[in-house]
């Protein structure tokens, strides 16, 4: 995982590049809030929290489903 940072203030401010990595969860905490996970580059812990999904920007992890595991 690369520490890609996050954005705030209605997506007008980008910060934490190369220090923190933030990734959205697929679960909502409420209709207006979503869970995210984050990690600091110098720590082994992978924390979680939730925030207003309309004012915070995090990365999205894409996973490809492989039908045949031998490919």
N, C-alpha and C. Protein backbone atom coordinates (compact mmCIF):
# COMPACT_ATOMS: atom_id res chain seq x y z
N UNK A 1 0.85 -1.18 0.00
CA UNK A 1 0.00 0.00 0.00
C UNK A 1 0.88 1.24 0.00
N UNK A 2 0.52 2.19 -0.80
CA UNK A 2 1.26 3.45 -0.84
C UNK A 2 0.50 4.53 -0.10
N UNK A 3 1.19 5.35 0.69
CA UNK A 3 0.51 6.42 1.44
C UNK A 3 0.10 7.57 0.52
N UNK A 4 -1.10 7.48 0.00
CA UNK A 4 -1.58 8.44 -0.99
C UNK A 4 -2.26 9.66 -0.43
N UNK A 5 -2.36 9.79 0.91
CA UNK A 5 -2.96 10.97 1.50
C UNK A 5 -4.48 10.98 1.41
N UNK A 6 -5.04 12.16 1.59
CA UNK A 6 -6.50 12.34 1.55
C UNK A 6 -6.82 13.77 1.15
N UNK A 7 -8.08 14.02 0.86
CA UNK A 7 -8.51 15.39 0.60
C UNK A 7 -9.68 15.75 1.51
N UNK A 8 -9.78 17.03 1.82
CA UNK A 8 -10.81 17.56 2.71
C UNK A 8 -11.31 18.90 2.17
N UNK A 9 -12.11 19.58 2.97
CA UNK A 9 -12.65 20.91 2.61
C UNK A 9 -13.31 20.89 1.24
N UNK A 10 -14.32 20.02 1.10
CA UNK A 10 -15.04 19.88 -0.16
C UNK A 10 -14.10 19.56 -1.31
N UNK A 11 -13.08 18.73 -1.04
CA UNK A 11 -12.11 18.25 -2.02
C UNK A 11 -11.20 19.35 -2.56
N UNK A 12 -11.07 20.46 -1.82
CA UNK A 12 -10.21 21.56 -2.25
C UNK A 12 -8.84 21.54 -1.58
N UNK A 13 -8.64 20.67 -0.58
CA UNK A 13 -7.36 20.62 0.14
C UNK A 13 -6.87 19.18 0.17
N UNK A 14 -5.66 18.96 -0.34
CA UNK A 14 -5.06 17.63 -0.37
C UNK A 14 -3.89 17.61 0.61
N UNK A 15 -3.82 16.57 1.45
CA UNK A 15 -2.76 16.51 2.45
C UNK A 15 -2.34 15.07 2.73
N UNK A 16 -1.30 14.92 3.53
CA UNK A 16 -0.79 13.64 4.02
C UNK A 16 -0.17 12.74 2.97
N UNK A 17 0.15 13.27 1.80
CA UNK A 17 0.78 12.49 0.75
C UNK A 17 2.13 11.98 1.24
N UNK A 18 2.39 10.71 1.05
CA UNK A 18 3.60 10.00 1.46
C UNK A 18 3.72 9.80 2.97
N UNK A 19 2.70 10.19 3.74
CA UNK A 19 2.70 9.97 5.19
C UNK A 19 1.60 9.01 5.62
N UNK A 20 0.38 9.24 5.15
CA UNK A 20 -0.77 8.42 5.51
C UNK A 20 -1.40 7.84 4.25
N UNK A 21 -1.93 6.65 4.39
CA UNK A 21 -2.76 6.06 3.34
C UNK A 21 -4.16 5.90 3.89
N UNK A 22 -5.15 6.34 3.13
CA UNK A 22 -6.56 6.24 3.52
C UNK A 22 -7.31 5.46 2.44
N UNK A 23 -8.16 4.50 2.85
CA UNK A 23 -8.94 3.70 1.91
C UNK A 23 -10.36 3.58 2.40
N UNK A 24 -11.31 3.78 1.50
CA UNK A 24 -12.72 3.63 1.86
C UNK A 24 -13.04 2.16 2.12
N UNK A 25 -13.96 1.94 3.05
CA UNK A 25 -14.53 0.62 3.27
C UNK A 25 -15.76 0.50 2.39
N UNK A 26 -16.24 -0.69 2.20
CA UNK A 26 -17.48 -0.87 1.44
C UNK A 26 -18.72 -0.69 2.32
N UNK A 27 -18.52 -0.44 3.61
CA UNK A 27 -19.64 -0.31 4.57
C UNK A 27 -19.89 1.14 4.95
N UNK A 28 -21.15 1.48 5.06
CA UNK A 28 -21.53 2.80 5.55
C UNK A 28 -21.69 2.76 7.06
N UNK A 29 -21.35 3.86 7.74
CA UNK A 29 -21.59 3.99 9.17
C UNK A 29 -23.00 4.53 9.40
N UNK A 30 -23.49 5.31 8.44
CA UNK A 30 -24.84 5.89 8.46
C UNK A 30 -25.12 6.37 7.05
N UNK A 31 -26.32 6.90 6.78
CA UNK A 31 -26.59 7.39 5.42
C UNK A 31 -25.62 8.47 4.92
N UNK A 32 -25.06 9.27 5.83
CA UNK A 32 -24.16 10.34 5.40
C UNK A 32 -22.69 10.09 5.75
N UNK A 33 -22.40 9.01 6.47
CA UNK A 33 -21.03 8.71 6.88
C UNK A 33 -20.58 7.34 6.37
N UNK A 34 -19.29 7.25 6.07
CA UNK A 34 -18.73 5.99 5.59
C UNK A 34 -17.48 5.66 6.39
N UNK A 35 -17.23 4.36 6.53
CA UNK A 35 -16.03 3.89 7.21
C UNK A 35 -14.83 3.98 6.28
N UNK A 36 -13.67 4.25 6.85
CA UNK A 36 -12.42 4.18 6.10
C UNK A 36 -11.35 3.59 6.99
N UNK A 37 -10.30 3.07 6.36
CA UNK A 37 -9.14 2.54 7.08
C UNK A 37 -7.97 3.44 6.74
N UNK A 38 -7.03 3.54 7.66
CA UNK A 38 -5.85 4.35 7.38
C UNK A 38 -4.62 3.80 8.09
N UNK A 39 -3.47 4.11 7.52
CA UNK A 39 -2.20 3.66 8.07
C UNK A 39 -1.19 4.79 7.92
N UNK A 40 -0.34 4.92 8.93
CA UNK A 40 0.76 5.88 8.90
C UNK A 40 2.02 5.12 8.49
N UNK A 41 2.83 5.73 7.63
CA UNK A 41 3.94 5.01 7.02
C UNK A 41 4.93 4.42 8.03
N UNK A 42 5.05 5.00 9.22
CA UNK A 42 6.04 4.54 10.20
C UNK A 42 5.43 3.69 11.32
N UNK A 43 4.17 3.27 11.17
CA UNK A 43 3.51 2.48 12.20
C UNK A 43 2.95 1.19 11.59
N UNK A 44 2.91 0.11 12.35
CA UNK A 44 2.36 -1.14 11.81
C UNK A 44 0.85 -1.27 11.95
N UNK A 45 0.20 -0.33 12.60
CA UNK A 45 -1.24 -0.43 12.88
C UNK A 45 -2.08 0.06 11.70
N UNK A 46 -3.22 -0.59 11.49
CA UNK A 46 -4.14 -0.24 10.40
C UNK A 46 -5.46 0.16 11.04
N UNK A 47 -5.62 1.44 11.31
CA UNK A 47 -6.76 1.96 12.06
C UNK A 47 -8.01 2.10 11.20
N UNK A 48 -9.16 2.33 11.84
CA UNK A 48 -10.39 2.62 11.12
C UNK A 48 -11.14 3.73 11.84
N UNK A 49 -11.98 4.41 11.09
CA UNK A 49 -12.79 5.51 11.59
C UNK A 49 -13.90 5.74 10.57
N UNK A 50 -14.77 6.69 10.83
CA UNK A 50 -15.77 7.07 9.84
C UNK A 50 -15.83 8.58 9.73
N UNK A 51 -16.34 9.04 8.61
CA UNK A 51 -16.40 10.47 8.35
C UNK A 51 -17.53 10.76 7.36
N UNK A 52 -17.82 12.02 7.19
CA UNK A 52 -18.82 12.47 6.22
C UNK A 52 -18.30 12.13 4.82
N UNK A 53 -19.00 11.26 4.15
CA UNK A 53 -18.52 10.79 2.84
C UNK A 53 -18.61 11.85 1.74
N UNK A 54 -19.26 12.96 2.01
CA UNK A 54 -19.36 14.02 1.01
C UNK A 54 -18.32 15.12 1.19
N UNK A 55 -17.45 15.01 2.21
CA UNK A 55 -16.45 16.07 2.40
C UNK A 55 -15.04 15.53 2.66
N UNK A 56 -14.86 14.23 2.51
CA UNK A 56 -13.55 13.61 2.75
C UNK A 56 -13.23 12.70 1.58
N UNK A 57 -12.01 12.74 1.13
CA UNK A 57 -11.62 11.90 0.00
C UNK A 57 -10.56 10.90 0.40
N UNK A 58 -10.77 9.64 0.08
CA UNK A 58 -9.81 8.58 0.35
C UNK A 58 -9.63 7.75 -0.91
N UNK A 59 -8.63 6.91 -0.91
CA UNK A 59 -8.37 6.03 -2.05
C UNK A 59 -9.38 4.89 -2.08
N UNK A 60 -9.47 4.26 -3.23
CA UNK A 60 -10.33 3.09 -3.41
C UNK A 60 -9.44 1.93 -3.82
N UNK A 61 -9.57 0.83 -3.14
CA UNK A 61 -8.80 -0.36 -3.48
C UNK A 61 -9.65 -1.24 -4.39
N UNK A 62 -9.15 -1.51 -5.57
CA UNK A 62 -9.87 -2.35 -6.52
C UNK A 62 -9.31 -3.77 -6.45
N UNK A 63 -10.21 -4.74 -6.43
CA UNK A 63 -9.81 -6.14 -6.37
C UNK A 63 -10.42 -6.85 -7.57
N UNK A 64 -9.60 -7.57 -8.30
CA UNK A 64 -10.08 -8.32 -9.45
C UNK A 64 -10.40 -9.73 -9.02
N UNK A 65 -11.59 -10.18 -9.31
CA UNK A 65 -12.01 -11.53 -9.03
C UNK A 65 -11.51 -12.43 -10.15
N UNK A 66 -10.75 -13.43 -9.80
CA UNK A 66 -10.22 -14.37 -10.79
C UNK A 66 -11.07 -15.63 -10.73
N UNK A 67 -11.70 -15.96 -11.83
CA UNK A 67 -12.56 -17.14 -11.90
C UNK A 67 -11.74 -18.42 -11.80
N UNK A 68 -10.64 -18.46 -12.51
CA UNK A 68 -9.80 -19.66 -12.53
C UNK A 68 -8.49 -19.34 -11.84
N UNK A 69 -8.25 -19.89 -10.66
CA UNK A 69 -7.07 -19.57 -9.87
C UNK A 69 -5.77 -20.00 -10.52
N UNK A 70 -5.82 -20.84 -11.55
CA UNK A 70 -4.60 -21.30 -12.21
C UNK A 70 -4.08 -20.34 -13.26
N UNK A 71 -4.83 -19.29 -13.57
CA UNK A 71 -4.39 -18.32 -14.60
C UNK A 71 -3.25 -17.48 -14.12
